[in-house]
Amino acid sequence: MPYRYPFGPLPPRAPLLPTRVDIVQPRIAPEVVAPSADELDEVEERAWELAEAERFTQAAELLEAALRPLRKGHAAKQPKVLELRLNLANLYVLAGAFRQALPEFQRLVPDLAARPVPDQELIWQCRQQAAVCQAELGEGTSALVELRALLAEEQREMAPGSPTLFPLRQQVAMLAAGVGDVTEARRQLDDLLHDAHRAYGSESAIAAEVEALLDHLRRLDDDDR
């Protein structure tokens, strides 16, 4: 008996074509090639040209890109790389990029300390700059703790009343005032003024600057009463 579709058997299906499966090869990240010494010199020269033109952000971006392949392992502690890392941190400060500068200075401290002959003054400078960045980011209390510790450490290494420490002592005093401890700030500035008179005389620029700061803090005290 003849059948008519759809009431009879289904017509034979066409054979299924084999399904094509595309095998995607995993992407291999391009190998990052560290710049040569000559290339680093060229980058440094270009960065300083930008910095001299006050294009600090562009200078920092240029250095950061060159240093990226050298961030890990032994390469990060090579003298030339350490120098460029320090330049990068300082460029961030000049650009007002304190959030980027802070970790740069913090990472530099242990790497500089690990050198065969550590430059202690450079390490102190990095710690001081890191604290400045903290203060600029609103972390005044943490910055003050670090600066006080740094000042105590430097005072153990230098003669009492050393003029070398005048800027740091002034910075500690003003940061103390900034976090609300005006009494302590005035005490520190009084001590600093005494040492400035002894080292440079009462007519010196540093003495005049400290006296102006003391007058300002006294006026603030009078306004609060």
C-alpha atoms as a PDB file:
ATOM      1  CA  MET A   1       0.000   0.000   0.000  1.00  0.00           C
ATOM      2  CA  PRO A   2       1.465   3.307  -0.942  1.00  0.00           C
ATOM      3  CA  TYR A   3       2.059   5.837   1.849  1.00  0.00           C
ATOM      4  CA  ARG A   4       1.994   9.509   1.571  1.00  0.00           C
ATOM      5  CA  TYR A   5       4.012  11.660   3.860  1.00  0.00           C
ATOM      6  CA  PRO A   6       3.222  12.679   6.575  1.00  0.00           C
ATOM      7  CA  PHE A   7       1.032   9.625   7.175  1.00  0.00           C
ATOM      8  CA  GLY A   8       3.512   7.084   5.989  1.00  0.00           C
ATOM      9  CA  PRO A   9       7.140   6.400   6.657  1.00  0.00           C
ATOM     10  CA  LEU A  10       9.394   9.460   6.792  1.00  0.00           C
ATOM     11  CA  PRO A  11      11.516   9.999   3.748  1.00  0.00           C
ATOM     12  CA  PRO A  12      15.085   8.946   4.262  1.00  0.00           C
ATOM     13  CA  ARG A  13      17.233  11.665   5.818  1.00  0.00           C
ATOM     14  CA  ALA A  14      20.244  12.956   4.046  1.00  0.00           C
ATOM     15  CA  PRO A  15      23.372  11.668   5.698  1.00  0.00           C
ATOM     16  CA  LEU A  16      24.718  14.004   8.368  1.00  0.00           C
ATOM     17  CA  LEU A  17      27.790  15.903   7.368  1.00  0.00           C
ATOM     18  CA  PRO A  18      30.683  15.596   9.742  1.00  0.00           C
ATOM     19  CA  THR A  19      30.808  18.482  12.193  1.00  0.00           C
ATOM     20  CA  ARG A  20      33.832  20.699  11.841  1.00  0.00           C
ATOM     21  CA  VAL A  21      35.569  21.405  15.110  1.00  0.00           C
ATOM     22  CA  ASP A  22      37.987  24.297  15.110  1.00  0.00           C
ATOM     23  CA  ILE A  23      40.790  23.664  17.542  1.00  0.00           C
ATOM     24  CA  VAL A  24      41.888  26.984  18.945  1.00  0.00           C
ATOM     25  CA  GLN A  25      45.526  27.078  19.800  1.00  0.00           C
ATOM     26  CA  PRO A  26      46.252  28.720  23.151  1.00  0.00           C
ATOM     27  CA  ARG A  27      47.621  32.198  22.824  1.00  0.00           C
ATOM     28  CA  ILE A  28      51.195  32.530  23.848  1.00  0.00           C
ATOM     29  CA  ALA A  29      52.062  35.848  25.410  1.00  0.00           C
ATOM     30  CA  PRO A  30      54.827  37.592  23.535  1.00  0.00           C
ATOM     31  CA  GLU A  31      58.156  37.309  25.221  1.00  0.00           C
ATOM     32  CA  VAL A  32      59.085  40.476  27.064  1.00  0.00           C
ATOM     33  CA  VAL A  33      62.625  41.413  26.199  1.00  0.00           C
ATOM     34  CA  ALA A  34      64.504  43.462  28.753  1.00  0.00           C
ATOM     35  CA  PRO A  35      66.087  46.609  27.331  1.00  0.00           C
ATOM     36  CA  SER A  36      69.826  46.660  26.819  1.00  0.00           C
ATOM     37  CA  ALA A  37      72.145  48.979  28.723  1.00  0.00           C
ATOM     38  CA  ASP A  38      72.334  51.304  25.711  1.00  0.00           C
ATOM     39  CA  GLU A  39      68.544  51.358  25.428  1.00  0.00           C
ATOM     40  CA  LEU A  40      68.238  52.206  29.123  1.00  0.00           C
ATOM     41  CA  ASP A  41      70.680  55.078  28.640  1.00  0.00           C
ATOM     42  CA  GLU A  42      68.573  56.390  25.762  1.00  0.00           C
ATOM     43  CA  VAL A  43      65.385  56.126  27.813  1.00  0.00           C
ATOM     44  CA  GLU A  44      67.012  57.921  30.726  1.00  0.00           C
ATOM     45  CA  GLU A  45      68.223  60.741  28.492  1.00  0.00           C
ATOM     46  CA  ARG A  46      64.771  61.133  26.936  1.00  0.00           C
ATOM     47  CA  ALA A  47      63.121  61.069  30.369  1.00  0.00           C
ATOM     48  CA  TRP A  48      65.340  63.894  31.586  1.00  0.00           C
ATOM     49  CA  GLU A  49      64.556  65.920  28.481  1.00  0.00           C
ATOM     50  CA  LEU A  50      60.867  65.552  29.305  1.00  0.00           C
ATOM     51  CA  ALA A  51      61.497  66.411  32.951  1.00  0.00           C
ATOM     52  CA  GLU A  52      63.410  69.559  32.010  1.00  0.00           C
ATOM     53  CA  ALA A  53      60.350  70.555  29.989  1.00  0.00           C
ATOM     54  CA  GLU A  54      58.270  69.901  33.149  1.00  0.00           C
ATOM     55  CA  ARG A  55      56.499  66.991  31.457  1.00  0.00           C
ATOM     56  CA  PHE A  56      56.962  64.873  34.551  1.00  0.00           C
ATOM     57  CA  THR A  57      54.070  62.475  33.959  1.00  0.00           C
ATOM     58  CA  GLN A  58      55.311  61.559  30.479  1.00  0.00           C
ATOM     59  CA  ALA A  59      58.850  61.154  31.770  1.00  0.00           C
ATOM     60  CA  ALA A  60      57.620  58.806  34.505  1.00  0.00           C
ATOM     61  CA  GLU A  61      55.547  56.770  32.042  1.00  0.00           C
ATOM     62  CA  LEU A  62      58.573  56.375  29.774  1.00  0.00           C
ATOM     63  CA  LEU A  63      60.796  55.149  32.606  1.00  0.00           C
ATOM     64  CA  GLU A  64      58.119  52.869  34.039  1.00  0.00           C
ATOM     65  CA  ALA A  65      57.631  51.125  30.688  1.00  0.00           C
ATOM     66  CA  ALA A  66      61.377  50.558  30.308  1.00  0.00           C
ATOM     67  CA  LEU A  67      61.701  49.207  33.847  1.00  0.00           C
ATOM     68  CA  ARG A  68      58.705  46.867  33.672  1.00  0.00           C
ATOM     69  CA  PRO A  69      60.688  43.819  32.418  1.00  0.00           C
ATOM     70  CA  LEU A  70      63.331  44.450  35.094  1.00  0.00           C
ATOM     71  CA  ARG A  71      61.064  44.552  38.134  1.00  0.00           C
ATOM     72  CA  LYS A  72      61.681  41.030  39.417  1.00  0.00           C
ATOM     73  CA  GLY A  73      64.647  39.009  40.517  1.00  0.00           C
ATOM     74  CA  HIS A  74      68.263  40.031  40.474  1.00  0.00           C
ATOM     75  CA  ALA A  75      67.797  42.539  37.647  1.00  0.00           C
ATOM     76  CA  ALA A  76      65.790  44.859  39.908  1.00  0.00           C
ATOM     77  CA  LYS A  77      68.817  45.286  42.184  1.00  0.00           C
ATOM     78  CA  GLN A  78      71.404  46.096  39.541  1.00  0.00           C
ATOM     79  CA  PRO A  79      73.033  49.518  40.177  1.00  0.00           C
ATOM     80  CA  LYS A  80      71.744  51.072  36.945  1.00  0.00           C
ATOM     81  CA  VAL A  81      68.237  49.756  37.512  1.00  0.00           C
ATOM     82  CA  LEU A  82      68.233  51.001  41.109  1.00  0.00           C
ATOM     83  CA  GLU A  83      69.263  54.428  39.847  1.00  0.00           C
ATOM     84  CA  LEU A  84      66.412  54.470  37.326  1.00  0.00           C
ATOM     85  CA  ARG A  85      63.922  53.247  39.920  1.00  0.00           C
ATOM     86  CA  LEU A  86      64.954  56.124  42.182  1.00  0.00           C
ATOM     87  CA  ASN A  87      64.565  58.545  39.285  1.00  0.00           C
ATOM     88  CA  LEU A  88      61.118  57.121  38.594  1.00  0.00           C
ATOM     89  CA  ALA A  89      60.022  57.583  42.210  1.00  0.00           C
ATOM     90  CA  ASN A  90      61.238  61.180  42.204  1.00  0.00           C
ATOM     91  CA  LEU A  91      59.482  61.874  38.903  1.00  0.00           C
ATOM     92  CA  TYR A  92      56.234  60.595  40.388  1.00  0.00           C
ATOM     93  CA  VAL A  93      56.670  63.098  43.241  1.00  0.00           C
ATOM     94  CA  LEU A  94      57.323  65.930  40.792  1.00  0.00           C
ATOM     95  CA  ALA A  95      54.195  64.891  38.888  1.00  0.00           C
ATOM     96  CA  GLY A  96      52.149  64.915  42.096  1.00  0.00           C
ATOM     97  CA  ALA A  97      51.514  61.168  41.713  1.00  0.00           C
ATOM     98  CA  PHE A  98      52.140  60.358  45.371  1.00  0.00           C
ATOM     99  CA  ARG A  99      50.120  57.131  45.263  1.00  0.00           C
ATOM    100  CA  GLN A 100      52.513  55.761  42.641  1.00  0.00           C
ATOM    101  CA  ALA A 101      55.611  57.215  44.300  1.00  0.00           C
ATOM    102  CA  LEU A 102      54.946  55.715  47.738  1.00  0.00           C
ATOM    103  CA  PRO A 103      55.387  52.007  46.860  1.00  0.00           C
ATOM    104  CA  GLU A 104      58.381  52.845  44.679  1.00  0.00           C
ATOM    105  CA  PHE A 105      60.227  54.415  47.616  1.00  0.00           C
ATOM    106  CA  GLN A 106      59.101  51.630  49.964  1.00  0.00           C
ATOM    107  CA  ARG A 107      60.445  48.916  47.641  1.00  0.00           C
ATOM    108  CA  LEU A 108      63.712  50.781  47.156  1.00  0.00           C
ATOM    109  CA  VAL A 109      64.554  50.793  50.877  1.00  0.00           C
ATOM    110  CA  PRO A 110      65.209  47.025  51.303  1.00  0.00           C
ATOM    111  CA  ASP A 111      66.810  46.723  47.864  1.00  0.00           C
ATOM    112  CA  LEU A 112      69.251  49.546  48.615  1.00  0.00           C
ATOM    113  CA  ALA A 113      69.968  48.049  52.038  1.00  0.00           C
ATOM    114  CA  ALA A 114      70.837  44.709  50.402  1.00  0.00           C
ATOM    115  CA  ARG A 115      73.711  46.199  48.395  1.00  0.00           C
ATOM    116  CA  PRO A 116      77.249  45.113  49.379  1.00  0.00           C
ATOM    117  CA  VAL A 117      77.979  48.645  50.624  1.00  0.00           C
ATOM    118  CA  PRO A 118      74.627  50.285  51.410  1.00  0.00           C
ATOM    119  CA  ASP A 119      74.334  54.044  50.957  1.00  0.00           C
ATOM    120  CA  GLN A 120      72.705  54.848  54.294  1.00  0.00           C
ATOM    121  CA  GLU A 121      71.965  58.466  53.422  1.00  0.00           C
ATOM    122  CA  LEU A 122      70.159  57.387  50.257  1.00  0.00           C
ATOM    123  CA  ILE A 123      68.130  54.865  52.253  1.00  0.00           C
ATOM    124  CA  TRP A 124      67.174  57.601  54.720  1.00  0.00           C
ATOM    125  CA  GLN A 125      66.150  59.858  51.850  1.00  0.00           C
ATOM    126  CA  CYS A 126      63.881  57.151  50.439  1.00  0.00           C
ATOM    127  CA  ARG A 127      62.259  56.617  53.829  1.00  0.00           C
ATOM    128  CA  GLN A 128      61.760  60.346  54.228  1.00  0.00           C
ATOM    129  CA  GLN A 129      60.226  60.660  50.768  1.00  0.00           C
ATOM    130  CA  ALA A 130      57.926  57.716  51.470  1.00  0.00           C
ATOM    131  CA  ALA A 131      56.699  59.489  54.611  1.00  0.00           C
ATOM    132  CA  VAL A 132      56.145  62.685  52.618  1.00  0.00           C
ATOM    133  CA  CYS A 133      53.996  60.692  50.194  1.00  0.00           C
ATOM    134  CA  GLN A 134      51.994  59.264  53.095  1.00  0.00           C
ATOM    135  CA  ALA A 135      51.374  62.761  54.428  1.00  0.00           C
ATOM    136  CA  GLU A 136      50.266  63.966  50.992  1.00  0.00           C
ATOM    137  CA  LEU A 137      47.837  61.034  50.794  1.00  0.00           C
ATOM    138  CA  GLY A 138      46.233  62.000  54.115  1.00  0.00           C
ATOM    139  CA  GLU A 139      48.099  59.434  56.216  1.00  0.00           C
ATOM    140  CA  GLY A 140      49.606  62.064  58.513  1.00  0.00           C
ATOM    141  CA  THR A 141      49.795  59.929  61.640  1.00  0.00           C
ATOM    142  CA  SER A 142      51.629  57.089  59.883  1.00  0.00           C
ATOM    143  CA  ALA A 143      53.955  59.582  58.239  1.00  0.00           C
ATOM    144  CA  LEU A 144      54.749  61.194  61.600  1.00  0.00           C
ATOM    145  CA  VAL A 145      55.560  57.818  63.178  1.00  0.00           C
ATOM    146  CA  GLU A 146      57.961  57.020  60.338  1.00  0.00           C
ATOM    147  CA  LEU A 147      59.628  60.444  60.385  1.00  0.00           C
ATOM    148  CA  ARG A 148      60.118  60.339  64.157  1.00  0.00           C
ATOM    149  CA  ALA A 149      61.715  56.897  63.879  1.00  0.00           C
ATOM    150  CA  LEU A 150      63.899  58.132  61.045  1.00  0.00           C
ATOM    151  CA  LEU A 151      64.948  61.233  62.996  1.00  0.00           C
ATOM    152  CA  ALA A 152      65.847  59.152  66.059  1.00  0.00           C
ATOM    153  CA  GLU A 153      67.936  56.824  63.891  1.00  0.00           C
ATOM    154  CA  GLU A 154      69.790  59.678  62.203  1.00  0.00           C
ATOM    155  CA  GLN A 155      70.390  61.455  65.521  1.00  0.00           C
ATOM    156  CA  ARG A 156      72.169  58.343  66.805  1.00  0.00           C
ATOM    157  CA  GLU A 157      74.549  58.561  63.848  1.00  0.00           C
ATOM    158  CA  MET A 158      75.231  62.317  63.942  1.00  0.00           C
ATOM    159  CA  ALA A 159      76.471  64.898  66.397  1.00  0.00           C
ATOM    160  CA  PRO A 160      73.842  66.547  68.636  1.00  0.00           C
ATOM    161  CA  GLY A 161      72.417  69.652  66.990  1.00  0.00           C
ATOM    162  CA  SER A 162      73.812  68.714  63.580  1.00  0.00           C
ATOM    163  CA  PRO A 163      72.643  71.218  60.929  1.00  0.00           C
ATOM    164  CA  THR A 164      72.201  68.310  58.525  1.00  0.00           C
ATOM    165  CA  LEU A 165      69.109  67.323  60.497  1.00  0.00           C
ATOM    166  CA  PHE A 166      67.498  70.775  60.581  1.00  0.00           C
ATOM    167  CA  PRO A 167      65.191  70.164  57.572  1.00  0.00           C
ATOM    168  CA  LEU A 168      64.004  66.816  58.938  1.00  0.00           C
ATOM    169  CA  ARG A 169      63.434  68.254  62.421  1.00  0.00           C
ATOM    170  CA  GLN A 170      61.403  71.073  60.919  1.00  0.00           C
ATOM    171  CA  GLN A 171      59.400  68.594  58.867  1.00  0.00           C
ATOM    172  CA  VAL A 172      58.616  66.489  61.941  1.00  0.00           C
ATOM    173  CA  ALA A 173      57.494  69.579  63.868  1.00  0.00           C
ATOM    174  CA  MET A 174      55.180  70.784  61.115  1.00  0.00           C
ATOM    175  CA  LEU A 175      53.698  67.331  60.642  1.00  0.00           C
ATOM    176  CA  ALA A 176      53.047  67.149  64.387  1.00  0.00           C
ATOM    177  CA  ALA A 177      51.187  70.453  64.110  1.00  0.00           C
ATOM    178  CA  GLY A 178      49.301  69.095  61.113  1.00  0.00           C
ATOM    179  CA  VAL A 179      47.918  66.157  63.104  1.00  0.00           C
ATOM    180  CA  GLY A 180      46.883  68.461  65.962  1.00  0.00           C
ATOM    181  CA  ASP A 181      49.830  68.251  68.373  1.00  0.00           C
ATOM    182  CA  VAL A 182      50.632  71.966  68.290  1.00  0.00           C
ATOM    183  CA  THR A 183      52.259  71.975  71.741  1.00  0.00           C
ATOM    184  CA  GLU A 184      54.780  69.327  70.703  1.00  0.00           C
ATOM    185  CA  ALA A 185      55.384  71.120  67.414  1.00  0.00           C
ATOM    186  CA  ARG A 186      56.185  74.379  69.204  1.00  0.00           C
ATOM    187  CA  ARG A 187      58.559  72.598  71.586  1.00  0.00           C
ATOM    188  CA  GLN A 188      60.443  71.025  68.705  1.00  0.00           C
ATOM    189  CA  LEU A 189      60.647  74.314  66.824  1.00  0.00           C
ATOM    190  CA  ASP A 190      61.941  76.099  69.945  1.00  0.00           C
ATOM    191  CA  ASP A 191      64.730  73.509  70.210  1.00  0.00           C
ATOM    192  CA  LEU A 192      65.444  73.849  66.502  1.00  0.00           C
ATOM    193  CA  LEU A 193      65.597  77.639  66.742  1.00  0.00           C
ATOM    194  CA  HIS A 194      68.129  77.389  69.570  1.00  0.00           C
ATOM    195  CA  ASP A 195      70.351  75.091  67.509  1.00  0.00           C
ATOM    196  CA  ALA A 196      69.944  77.273  64.398  1.00  0.00           C
ATOM    197  CA  HIS A 197      71.079  80.349  66.338  1.00  0.00           C
ATOM    198  CA  ARG A 198      74.103  78.459  67.593  1.00  0.00           C
ATOM    199  CA  ALA A 199      75.024  77.044  64.179  1.00  0.00           C
ATOM    200  CA  TYR A 200      74.270  79.977  61.882  1.00  0.00           C
ATOM    201  CA  GLY A 201      73.389  83.002  63.995  1.00  0.00           C
ATOM    202  CA  SER A 202      70.113  84.760  64.736  1.00  0.00           C
ATOM    203  CA  GLU A 203      70.067  86.517  61.342  1.00  0.00           C
ATOM    204  CA  SER A 204      70.303  83.314  59.296  1.00  0.00           C
ATOM    205  CA  ALA A 205      67.624  82.241  56.831  1.00  0.00           C
ATOM    206  CA  ILE A 206      66.832  79.040  58.743  1.00  0.00           C
ATOM    207  CA  ALA A 207      66.409  80.979  61.995  1.00  0.00           C
ATOM    208  CA  ALA A 208      64.046  83.453  60.323  1.00  0.00           C
ATOM    209  CA  GLU A 209      62.011  80.614  58.823  1.00  0.00           C
ATOM    210  CA  VAL A 210      61.657  78.786  62.144  1.00  0.00           C
ATOM    211  CA  GLU A 211      60.702  82.022  63.925  1.00  0.00           C
ATOM    212  CA  ALA A 212      57.993  82.627  61.306  1.00  0.00           C
ATOM    213  CA  LEU A 213      56.619  79.121  61.868  1.00  0.00           C
ATOM    214  CA  LEU A 214      56.583  79.646  65.628  1.00  0.00           C
ATOM    215  CA  ASP A 215      54.729  82.947  65.220  1.00  0.00           C
ATOM    216  CA  HIS A 216      52.171  81.210  63.015  1.00  0.00           C
ATOM    217  CA  LEU A 217      51.588  78.451  65.578  1.00  0.00           C
ATOM    218  CA  ARG A 218      51.269  81.015  68.386  1.00  0.00           C
ATOM    219  CA  ARG A 219      48.588  82.851  66.419  1.00  0.00           C
ATOM    220  CA  LEU A 220      46.739  79.588  65.901  1.00  0.00           C
ATOM    221  CA  ASP A 221      46.870  78.945  69.643  1.00  0.00           C
ATOM    222  CA  ASP A 222      45.543  82.453  70.364  1.00  0.00           C
ATOM    223  CA  ASP A 223      42.671  81.985  67.897  1.00  0.00           C
ATOM    224  CA  ASP A 224      41.641  78.739  69.592  1.00  0.00           C
ATOM    225  CA  ARG A 225      41.357  80.367  73.011  1.00  0.00           C
END
